[in-house]
Structure formats: C-alpha cells, structure tokens
Amino acid sequence: MLEQNLAFQVAELFSALSDASRVRIISALAKHEMNVGDLSKATGLGESAVSHHLRHLRQMRLVRTRREGRYVFYALHDDHVVQLFEYGLMHVQHD
C-alpha cells in the first residue's frame, strides 16, 4: 500500500496536470526550451497567464529554468515529465 505522504505528492502532481493550459505549455516544452514570450505565442495565452502557470509547474518540479542574459528559458525538468505527458496523450488517444 502506498504511504499517505507519497499518495499526496502523486495527487498534487496530477492536480498540476489537470489544467489544460498547463498541459499545452508542457506540450510546447516537450519539443524544446522556450521563454515566456515564445510560450505565449505557441499557446495563445497571455504572458501573465503563462508566467502564472510556469510558477506552478516549477513548484511541482515539472519545469526548470535557465537564464541567458535578461531572458529566462524554460524546459521540462527531466525525461520523466516528457514520458508522463506522452503516456497521458497515448492513453486518451487510445480507442
């Protein structure tokens, strides 16, 4: 049986993925790293909305940052996040 603390952490992870805008951001970042402006254009969300969602995704360790001059680039934290996204996508597309 899964420990309660671990179950809570997994539930928080799935909660972070329960927002369609966050899933679209993850989908964009699965291709390559991007800054807020690029993500805004790719998703059709405003920059403030993208920043808000990125903050939440960073707190959940789904997204990491890299600073280059005055720009901050975002990427998926690791391959587990890519796999989680891809498996979720395969699951919903499965007949």
PDB file of N, CA and C in Angstrom:
ATOM      1  N   MET A   1       0.847  -1.180   0.000  1.00  0.00           N
ATOM      2  CA  MET A   1       0.000   0.000   0.000  1.00  0.00           C
ATOM      3  C   MET A   1       0.886   1.234   0.000  1.00  0.00           C
ATOM      4  N   LEU A   2       0.494   2.213  -0.761  1.00  0.00           N
ATOM      5  CA  LEU A   2       1.224   3.464  -0.893  1.00  0.00           C
ATOM      6  C   LEU A   2       1.103   4.287   0.388  1.00  0.00           C
ATOM      7  N   GLU A   3       2.230   4.818   0.862  1.00  0.00           N
ATOM      8  CA  GLU A   3       2.206   5.682   2.049  1.00  0.00           C
ATOM      9  C   GLU A   3       1.385   6.930   1.759  1.00  0.00           C
ATOM     10  N   GLN A   4       0.738   7.466   2.788  1.00  0.00           N
ATOM     11  CA  GLN A   4      -0.139   8.621   2.622  1.00  0.00           C
ATOM     12  C   GLN A   4       0.611   9.831   2.069  1.00  0.00           C
ATOM     13  N   ASN A   5       1.817  10.090   2.569  1.00  0.00           N
ATOM     14  CA  ASN A   5       2.585  11.243   2.096  1.00  0.00           C
ATOM     15  C   ASN A   5       2.914  11.118   0.607  1.00  0.00           C
ATOM     16  N   LEU A   6       3.314   9.927   0.202  1.00  0.00           N
ATOM     17  CA  LEU A   6       3.632   9.697  -1.209  1.00  0.00           C
ATOM     18  C   LEU A   6       2.372   9.800  -2.074  1.00  0.00           C
ATOM     19  N   ALA A   7       1.265   9.280  -1.583  1.00  0.00           N
ATOM     20  CA  ALA A   7      -0.008   9.386  -2.307  1.00  0.00           C
ATOM     21  C   ALA A   7      -0.399  10.854  -2.474  1.00  0.00           C
ATOM     22  N   PHE A   8      -0.170  11.660  -1.444  1.00  0.00           N
ATOM     23  CA  PHE A   8      -0.474  13.087  -1.512  1.00  0.00           C
ATOM     24  C   PHE A   8       0.383  13.769  -2.579  1.00  0.00           C
ATOM     25  N   GLN A   9       1.667  13.426  -2.636  1.00  0.00           N
ATOM     26  CA  GLN A   9       2.565  14.030  -3.623  1.00  0.00           C
ATOM     27  C   GLN A   9       2.157  13.668  -5.050  1.00  0.00           C
ATOM     28  N   VAL A  10       1.765  12.415  -5.257  1.00  0.00           N
ATOM     29  CA  VAL A  10       1.323  11.992  -6.589  1.00  0.00           C
ATOM     30  C   VAL A  10       0.022  12.706  -6.957  1.00  0.00           C
ATOM     31  N   ALA A  11      -0.880  12.851  -5.986  1.00  0.00           N
ATOM     32  CA  ALA A  11      -2.140  13.565  -6.231  1.00  0.00           C
ATOM     33  C   ALA A  11      -1.867  15.024  -6.595  1.00  0.00           C
ATOM     34  N   GLU A  12      -0.903  15.659  -5.932  1.00  0.00           N
ATOM     35  CA  GLU A  12      -0.530  17.039  -6.269  1.00  0.00           C
ATOM     36  C   GLU A  12       0.027  17.129  -7.690  1.00  0.00           C
ATOM     37  N   LEU A  13       0.817  16.137  -8.070  1.00  0.00           N
ATOM     38  CA  LEU A  13       1.364  16.097  -9.426  1.00  0.00           C
ATOM     39  C   LEU A  13       0.238  16.051 -10.454  1.00  0.00           C
ATOM     40  N   PHE A  14      -0.711  15.143 -10.251  1.00  0.00           N
ATOM     41  CA  PHE A  14      -1.820  15.039 -11.196  1.00  0.00           C
ATOM     42  C   PHE A  14      -2.706  16.276 -11.153  1.00  0.00           C
ATOM     43  N   SER A  15      -2.795  16.907 -10.011  1.00  0.00           N
ATOM     44  CA  SER A  15      -3.552  18.153  -9.901  1.00  0.00           C
ATOM     45  C   SER A  15      -2.900  19.244 -10.756  1.00  0.00           C
ATOM     46  N   ALA A  16      -1.571  19.289 -10.747  1.00  0.00           N
ATOM     47  CA  ALA A  16      -0.854  20.276 -11.564  1.00  0.00           C
ATOM     48  C   ALA A  16      -1.104  20.038 -13.046  1.00  0.00           C
ATOM     49  N   LEU A  17      -1.333  18.788 -13.418  1.00  0.00           N
ATOM     50  CA  LEU A  17      -1.570  18.441 -14.818  1.00  0.00           C
ATOM     51  C   LEU A  17      -3.046  18.503 -15.195  1.00  0.00           C
ATOM     52  N   SER A  18      -3.895  18.892 -14.249  1.00  0.00           N
ATOM     53  CA  SER A  18      -5.340  18.891 -14.509  1.00  0.00           C
ATOM     54  C   SER A  18      -5.819  20.155 -15.214  1.00  0.00           C
ATOM     55  N   ASP A  19      -4.929  21.066 -15.493  1.00  0.00           N
ATOM     56  CA  ASP A  19      -5.276  22.312 -16.176  1.00  0.00           C
ATOM     57  C   ASP A  19      -4.829  22.225 -17.637  1.00  0.00           C
ATOM     58  N   ALA A  20      -5.760  22.426 -18.560  1.00  0.00           N
ATOM     59  CA  ALA A  20      -5.461  22.291 -19.994  1.00  0.00           C
ATOM     60  C   ALA A  20      -4.376  23.267 -20.452  1.00  0.00           C
ATOM     61  N   SER A  21      -4.337  24.464 -19.877  1.00  0.00           N
ATOM     62  CA  SER A  21      -3.299  25.434 -20.262  1.00  0.00           C
ATOM     63  C   SER A  21      -1.921  24.934 -19.863  1.00  0.00           C
ATOM     64  N   ARG A  22      -1.812  24.333 -18.690  1.00  0.00           N
ATOM     65  CA  ARG A  22      -0.516  23.783 -18.256  1.00  0.00           C
ATOM     66  C   ARG A  22      -0.104  22.625 -19.152  1.00  0.00           C
ATOM     67  N   VAL A  23      -1.060  21.804 -19.546  1.00  0.00           N
ATOM     68  CA  VAL A  23      -0.751  20.681 -20.433  1.00  0.00           C
ATOM     69  C   VAL A  23      -0.259  21.205 -21.782  1.00  0.00           C
ATOM     70  N   ARG A  24      -0.852  22.284 -22.274  1.00  0.00           N
ATOM     71  CA  ARG A  24      -0.399  22.874 -23.541  1.00  0.00           C
ATOM     72  C   ARG A  24       1.016  23.438 -23.402  1.00  0.00           C
ATOM     73  N   ILE A  25       1.331  24.024 -22.259  1.00  0.00           N
ATOM     74  CA  ILE A  25       2.688  24.523 -22.009  1.00  0.00           C
ATOM     75  C   ILE A  25       3.665  23.357 -21.991  1.00  0.00           C
ATOM     76  N   ILE A  26       3.301  22.280 -21.309  1.00  0.00           N
ATOM     77  CA  ILE A  26       4.162  21.093 -21.264  1.00  0.00           C
ATOM     78  C   ILE A  26       4.350  20.535 -22.670  1.00  0.00           C
ATOM     79  N   SER A  27       3.290  20.512 -23.453  1.00  0.00           N
ATOM     80  CA  SER A  27       3.379  20.029 -24.831  1.00  0.00           C
ATOM     81  C   SER A  27       4.374  20.859 -25.642  1.00  0.00           C
ATOM     82  N   ALA A  28       4.316  22.169 -25.487  1.00  0.00           N
ATOM     83  CA  ALA A  28       5.254  23.047 -26.206  1.00  0.00           C
ATOM     84  C   ALA A  28       6.685  22.815 -25.739  1.00  0.00           C
ATOM     85  N   LEU A  29       6.871  22.659 -24.433  1.00  0.00           N
ATOM     86  CA  LEU A  29       8.216  22.471 -23.890  1.00  0.00           C
ATOM     87  C   LEU A  29       8.766  21.073 -24.167  1.00  0.00           C
ATOM     88  N   ALA A  30       7.902  20.138 -24.536  1.00  0.00           N
ATOM     89  CA  ALA A  30       8.371  18.790 -24.876  1.00  0.00           C
ATOM     90  C   ALA A  30       9.208  18.823 -26.152  1.00  0.00           C
ATOM     91  N   LYS A  31       9.016  19.859 -26.962  1.00  0.00           N
ATOM     92  CA  LYS A  31       9.773  19.989 -28.215  1.00  0.00           C
ATOM     93  C   LYS A  31      11.135  20.646 -27.982  1.00  0.00           C
ATOM     94  N   HIS A  32      11.141  21.767 -27.240  1.00  0.00           N
ATOM     95  CA  HIS A  32      12.396  22.462 -26.931  1.00  0.00           C
ATOM     96  C   HIS A  32      12.119  23.544 -25.898  1.00  0.00           C
ATOM     97  N   GLU A  33      13.196  24.062 -25.299  1.00  0.00           N
ATOM     98  CA  GLU A  33      13.035  25.111 -24.296  1.00  0.00           C
ATOM     99  C   GLU A  33      12.539  26.397 -24.949  1.00  0.00           C
ATOM    100  N   MET A  34      11.830  27.194 -24.151  1.00  0.00           N
ATOM    101  CA  MET A  34      11.250  28.436 -24.661  1.00  0.00           C
ATOM    102  C   MET A  34      11.211  29.463 -23.541  1.00  0.00           C
ATOM    103  N   ASN A  35      11.118  30.737 -23.925  1.00  0.00           N
ATOM    104  CA  ASN A  35      10.907  31.782 -22.927  1.00  0.00           C
ATOM    105  C   ASN A  35       9.408  32.088 -22.851  1.00  0.00           C
ATOM    106  N   VAL A  36       9.022  32.969 -21.946  1.00  0.00           N
ATOM    107  CA  VAL A  36       7.603  33.266 -21.729  1.00  0.00           C
ATOM    108  C   VAL A  36       6.947  33.794 -23.003  1.00  0.00           C
ATOM    109  N   GLY A  37       7.636  34.678 -23.716  1.00  0.00           N
ATOM    110  CA  GLY A  37       7.074  35.227 -24.948  1.00  0.00           C
ATOM    111  C   GLY A  37       6.811  34.157 -25.992  1.00  0.00           C
ATOM    112  N   ASP A  38       7.777  33.253 -26.160  1.00  0.00           N
ATOM    113  CA  ASP A  38       7.607  32.154 -27.120  1.00  0.00           C
ATOM    114  C   ASP A  38       6.456  31.246 -26.712  1.00  0.00           C
ATOM    115  N   LEU A  39       6.368  30.953 -25.411  1.00  0.00           N
ATOM    116  CA  LEU A  39       5.279  30.103 -24.920  1.00  0.00           C
ATOM    117  C   LEU A  39       3.926  30.780 -25.099  1.00  0.00           C
ATOM    118  N   SER A  40       3.900  32.086 -24.903  1.00  0.00           N
ATOM    119  CA  SER A  40       2.663  32.840 -25.092  1.00  0.00           C
ATOM    120  C   SER A  40       2.182  32.723 -26.541  1.00  0.00           C
ATOM    121  N   LYS A  41       3.102  32.878 -27.480  1.00  0.00           N
ATOM    122  CA  LYS A  41       2.748  32.754 -28.899  1.00  0.00           C
ATOM    123  C   LYS A  41       2.331  31.327 -29.249  1.00  0.00           C
ATOM    124  N   ALA A  42       3.052  30.344 -28.707  1.00  0.00           N
ATOM    125  CA  ALA A  42       2.774  28.942 -29.029  1.00  0.00           C
ATOM    126  C   ALA A  42       1.433  28.471 -28.476  1.00  0.00           C
ATOM    127  N   THR A  43       1.048  28.988 -27.316  1.00  0.00           N
ATOM    128  CA  THR A  43      -0.172  28.512 -26.658  1.00  0.00           C
ATOM    129  C   THR A  43      -1.368  29.427 -26.856  1.00  0.00           C
ATOM    130  N   GLY A  44      -1.121  30.672 -27.256  1.00  0.00           N
ATOM    131  CA  GLY A  44      -2.203  31.632 -27.379  1.00  0.00           C
ATOM    132  C   GLY A  44      -2.632  32.238 -26.055  1.00  0.00           C
ATOM    133  N   LEU A  45      -1.889  31.967 -25.004  1.00  0.00           N
ATOM    134  CA  LEU A  45      -2.163  32.534 -23.681  1.00  0.00           C
ATOM    135  C   LEU A  45      -1.406  33.846 -23.522  1.00  0.00           C
ATOM    136  N   GLY A  46      -1.907  34.722 -22.684  1.00  0.00           N
ATOM    137  CA  GLY A  46      -1.189  35.945 -22.370  1.00  0.00           C
ATOM    138  C   GLY A  46       0.071  35.637 -21.577  1.00  0.00           C
ATOM    139  N   GLU A  47       1.042  36.537 -21.647  1.00  0.00           N
ATOM    140  CA  GLU A  47       2.308  36.308 -20.947  1.00  0.00           C
ATOM    141  C   GLU A  47       2.118  36.184 -19.442  1.00  0.00           C
ATOM    142  N   SER A  48       1.207  36.950 -18.857  1.00  0.00           N
ATOM    143  CA  SER A  48       0.992  36.852 -17.410  1.00  0.00           C
ATOM    144  C   SER A  48       0.389  35.501 -17.046  1.00  0.00           C
ATOM    145  N   ALA A  49      -0.498  34.972 -17.881  1.00  0.00           N
ATOM    146  CA  ALA A  49      -1.078  33.648 -17.628  1.00  0.00           C
ATOM    147  C   ALA A  49      -0.006  32.570 -17.750  1.00  0.00           C
ATOM    148  N   VAL A  50       0.836  32.682 -18.768  1.00  0.00           N
ATOM    149  CA  VAL A  50       1.929  31.721 -18.943  1.00  0.00           C
ATOM    150  C   VAL A  50       2.848  31.754 -17.728  1.00  0.00           C
ATOM    151  N   SER A  51       3.221  32.944 -17.275  1.00  0.00           N
ATOM    152  CA  SER A  51       4.094  33.077 -16.102  1.00  0.00           C
ATOM    153  C   SER A  51       3.466  32.440 -14.876  1.00  0.00           C
ATOM    154  N   HIS A  52       2.172  32.658 -14.692  1.00  0.00           N
ATOM    155  CA  HIS A  52       1.457  32.070 -13.551  1.00  0.00           C
ATOM    156  C   HIS A  52       1.530  30.541 -13.604  1.00  0.00           C
ATOM    157  N   HIS A  53       1.249  29.968 -14.761  1.00  0.00           N
ATOM    158  CA  HIS A  53       1.280  28.510 -14.900  1.00  0.00           C
ATOM    159  C   HIS A  53       2.700  27.970 -14.749  1.00  0.00           C
ATOM    160  N   LEU A  54       3.681  28.677 -15.284  1.00  0.00           N
ATOM    161  CA  LEU A  54       5.071  28.234 -15.147  1.00  0.00           C
ATOM    162  C   LEU A  54       5.508  28.224 -13.689  1.00  0.00           C
ATOM    163  N   ARG A  55       5.059  29.201 -12.922  1.00  0.00           N
ATOM    164  CA  ARG A  55       5.381  29.239 -11.495  1.00  0.00           C
ATOM    165  C   ARG A  55       4.866  27.975 -10.806  1.00  0.00           C
ATOM    166  N   HIS A  56       3.637  27.608 -11.139  1.00  0.00           N
ATOM    167  CA  HIS A  56       3.047  26.404 -10.550  1.00  0.00           C
ATOM    168  C   HIS A  56       3.806  25.153 -11.006  1.00  0.00           C
ATOM    169  N   LEU A  57       4.143  25.079 -12.271  1.00  0.00           N
ATOM    170  CA  LEU A  57       4.873  23.922 -12.792  1.00  0.00           C
ATOM    171  C   LEU A  57       6.276  23.823 -12.195  1.00  0.00           C
ATOM    172  N   ARG A  58       6.901  24.962 -11.925  1.00  0.00           N
ATOM    173  CA  ARG A  58       8.224  24.950 -11.268  1.00  0.00           C
ATOM    174  C   ARG A  58       8.112  24.445  -9.841  1.00  0.00           C
ATOM    175  N   GLN A  59       7.075  24.874  -9.130  1.00  0.00           N
ATOM    176  CA  GLN A  59       6.875  24.422  -7.752  1.00  0.00           C
ATOM    177  C   GLN A  59       6.717  22.906  -7.688  1.00  0.00           C
ATOM    178  N   MET A  60       6.137  22.335  -8.722  1.00  0.00           N
ATOM    179  CA  MET A  60       5.930  20.886  -8.771  1.00  0.00           C
ATOM    180  C   MET A  60       7.124  20.154  -9.392  1.00  0.00           C
ATOM    181  N   ARG A  61       8.192  20.882  -9.690  1.00  0.00           N
ATOM    182  CA  ARG A  61       9.407  20.332 -10.295  1.00  0.00           C
ATOM    183  C   ARG A  61       9.134  19.656 -11.640  1.00  0.00           C
ATOM    184  N   LEU A  62       8.208  20.233 -12.392  1.00  0.00           N
ATOM    185  CA  LEU A  62       7.927  19.743 -13.735  1.00  0.00           C
ATOM    186  C   LEU A  62       8.685  20.552 -14.780  1.00  0.00           C
ATOM    187  N   VAL A  63       9.073  21.772 -14.407  1.00  0.00           N
ATOM    188  CA  VAL A  63       9.763  22.694 -15.308  1.00  0.00           C
ATOM    189  C   VAL A  63      10.988  23.258 -14.596  1.00  0.00           C
ATOM    190  N   ARG A  64      12.064  23.453 -15.352  1.00  0.00           N
ATOM    191  CA  ARG A  64      13.280  24.079 -14.814  1.00  0.00           C
ATOM    192  C   ARG A  64      13.594  25.318 -15.644  1.00  0.00           C
ATOM    193  N   THR A  65      14.484  26.147 -15.134  1.00  0.00           N
ATOM    194  CA  THR A  65      14.825  27.388 -15.832  1.00  0.00           C
ATOM    195  C   THR A  65      16.315  27.462 -16.132  1.00  0.00           C
ATOM    196  N   ARG A  66      16.619  28.288 -17.135  1.00  0.00           N
ATOM    197  CA  ARG A  66      17.999  28.605 -17.489  1.00  0.00           C
ATOM    198  C   ARG A  66      18.005  30.066 -17.901  1.00  0.00           C
ATOM    199  N   ARG A  67      18.878  30.844 -17.279  1.00  0.00           N
ATOM    200  CA  ARG A  67      18.960  32.273 -17.587  1.00  0.00           C
ATOM    201  C   ARG A  67      20.047  32.507 -18.633  1.00  0.00           C
ATOM    202  N   GLU A  68      19.692  33.334 -19.620  1.00  0.00           N
ATOM    203  CA  GLU A  68      20.654  33.748 -20.645  1.00  0.00           C
ATOM    204  C   GLU A  68      20.482  35.252 -20.824  1.00  0.00           C
ATOM    205  N   GLY A  69      21.404  36.006 -20.222  1.00  0.00           N
ATOM    206  CA  GLY A  69      21.276  37.461 -20.234  1.00  0.00           C
ATOM    207  C   GLY A  69      20.028  37.880 -19.482  1.00  0.00           C
ATOM    208  N   ARG A  70      19.173  38.641 -20.132  1.00  0.00           N
ATOM    209  CA  ARG A  70      17.946  39.083 -19.468  1.00  0.00           C
ATOM    210  C   ARG A  70      16.774  38.135 -19.700  1.00  0.00           C
ATOM    211  N   TYR A  71      17.007  37.064 -20.447  1.00  0.00           N
ATOM    212  CA  TYR A  71      15.947  36.108 -20.762  1.00  0.00           C
ATOM    213  C   TYR A  71      16.031  34.882 -19.862  1.00  0.00           C
ATOM    214  N   VAL A  72      14.866  34.356 -19.526  1.00  0.00           N
ATOM    215  CA  VAL A  72      14.774  33.105 -18.779  1.00  0.00           C
ATOM    216  C   VAL A  72      14.125  32.090 -19.704  1.00  0.00           C
ATOM    217  N   PHE A  73      14.798  30.977 -19.887  1.00  0.00           N
ATOM    218  CA  PHE A  73      14.276  29.913 -20.734  1.00  0.00           C
ATOM    219  C   PHE A  73      13.775  28.780 -19.855  1.00  0.00           C
ATOM    220  N   TYR A  74      12.665  28.205 -20.265  1.00  0.00           N
ATOM    221  CA  TYR A  74      12.022  27.130 -19.522  1.00  0.00           C
ATOM    222  C   TYR A  74      12.133  25.840 -20.319  1.00  0.00           C
ATOM    223  N   ALA A  75      12.321  24.744 -19.591  1.00  0.00           N
ATOM    224  CA  ALA A  75      12.380  23.417 -20.199  1.00  0.00           C
ATOM    225  C   ALA A  75      11.739  22.437 -19.229  1.00  0.00           C
ATOM    226  N   LEU A  76      11.351  21.284 -19.740  1.00  0.00           N
ATOM    227  CA  LEU A  76      10.821  20.263 -18.847  1.00  0.00           C
ATOM    228  C   LEU A  76      11.941  19.790 -17.937  1.00  0.00           C
ATOM    229  N   HIS A  77      11.586  19.487 -16.707  1.00  0.00           N
ATOM    230  CA  HIS A  77      12.580  19.196 -15.670  1.00  0.00           C
ATOM    231  C   HIS A  77      13.455  18.004 -16.029  1.00  0.00           C
ATOM    232  N   ASP A  78      12.847  16.931 -16.543  1.00  0.00           N
ATOM    233  CA  ASP A  78      13.613  15.745 -16.914  1.00  0.00           C
ATOM    234  C   ASP A  78      12.783  14.864 -17.842  1.00  0.00           C
ATOM    235  N   ASP A  79      13.354  13.730 -18.226  1.00  0.00           N
ATOM    236  CA  ASP A  79      12.671  12.822 -19.152  1.00  0.00           C
ATOM    237  C   ASP A  79      11.398  12.229 -18.565  1.00  0.00           C
ATOM    238  N   HIS A  80      11.313  12.141 -17.232  1.00  0.00           N
ATOM    239  CA  HIS A  80      10.096  11.605 -16.613  1.00  0.00           C
ATOM    240  C   HIS A  80       8.882  12.460 -16.964  1.00  0.00           C
ATOM    241  N   VAL A  81       9.068  13.763 -17.022  1.00  0.00           N
ATOM    242  CA  VAL A  81       7.961  14.666 -17.345  1.00  0.00           C
ATOM    243  C   VAL A  81       7.524  14.445 -18.790  1.00  0.00           C
ATOM    244  N   VAL A  82       8.486  14.287 -19.684  1.00  0.00           N
ATOM    245  CA  VAL A  82       8.170  14.012 -21.087  1.00  0.00           C
ATOM    246  C   VAL A  82       7.396  12.700 -21.187  1.00  0.00           C
ATOM    247  N   GLN A  83       7.875  11.671 -20.501  1.00  0.00           N
ATOM    248  CA  GLN A  83       7.211  10.368 -20.540  1.00  0.00           C
ATOM    249  C   GLN A  83       5.806  10.438 -19.958  1.00  0.00           C
ATOM    250  N   LEU A  84       5.649  11.148 -18.857  1.00  0.00           N
ATOM    251  CA  LEU A  84       4.339  11.300 -18.236  1.00  0.00           C
ATOM    252  C   LEU A  84       3.368  11.948 -19.220  1.00  0.00           C
ATOM    253  N   PHE A  85       3.811  13.005 -19.880  1.00  0.00           N
ATOM    254  CA  PHE A  85       2.984  13.680 -20.880  1.00  0.00           C
ATOM    255  C   PHE A  85       2.657  12.735 -22.036  1.00  0.00           C
ATOM    256  N   GLU A  86       3.667  12.059 -22.574  1.00  0.00           N
ATOM    257  CA  GLU A  86       3.454  11.180 -23.726  1.00  0.00           C
ATOM    258  C   GLU A  86       2.533  10.017 -23.387  1.00  0.00           C
ATOM    259  N   TYR A  87       2.696   9.420 -22.200  1.00  0.00           N
ATOM    260  CA  TYR A  87       1.811   8.321 -21.795  1.00  0.00           C
ATOM    261  C   TYR A  87       0.381   8.808 -21.597  1.00  0.00           C
ATOM    262  N   GLY A  88       0.223   9.982 -21.026  1.00  0.00           N
ATOM    263  CA  GLY A  88      -1.116  10.545 -20.871  1.00  0.00           C
ATOM    264  C   GLY A  88      -1.773  10.774 -22.218  1.00  0.00           C
ATOM    265  N   LEU A  89      -1.009  11.309 -23.157  1.00  0.00           N
ATOM    266  CA  LEU A  89      -1.516  11.552 -24.505  1.00  0.00           C
ATOM    267  C   LEU A  89      -1.895  10.237 -25.187  1.00  0.00           C
ATOM    268  N   MET A  90      -1.035   9.228 -25.074  1.00  0.00           N
ATOM    269  CA  MET A  90      -1.338   7.922 -25.668  1.00  0.00           C
ATOM    270  C   MET A  90      -2.603   7.331 -25.046  1.00  0.00           C
ATOM    271  N   HIS A  91      -2.763   7.497 -23.746  1.00  0.00           N
ATOM    272  CA  HIS A  91      -3.923   6.935 -23.057  1.00  0.00           C
ATOM    273  C   HIS A  91      -5.225   7.546 -23.575  1.00  0.00           C
ATOM    274  N   VAL A  92      -5.268   8.859 -23.723  1.00  0.00           N
ATOM    275  CA  VAL A  92      -6.514   9.496 -24.163  1.00  0.00           C
ATOM    276  C   VAL A  92      -6.770   9.291 -25.659  1.00  0.00           C
ATOM    277  N   GLN A  93      -5.733   9.006 -26.436  1.00  0.00           N
ATOM    278  CA  GLN A  93      -5.911   8.765 -27.866  1.00  0.00           C
ATOM    279  C   GLN A  93      -6.223   7.307 -28.181  1.00  0.00           C
ATOM    280  N   HIS A  94      -6.046   6.439 -27.190  1.00  0.00           N
ATOM    281  CA  HIS A  94      -6.260   5.002 -27.383  1.00  0.00           C
ATOM    282  C   HIS A  94      -7.751   4.707 -27.523  1.00  0.00           C
ATOM    283  N   ASP A  95      -8.086   3.907 -28.498  1.00  0.00           N
ATOM    284  CA  ASP A  95      -9.506   3.542 -28.719  1.00  0.00           C
ATOM    285  C   ASP A  95      -9.958   2.487 -27.753  1.00  0.00           C
TER     286      ASP A  95
END
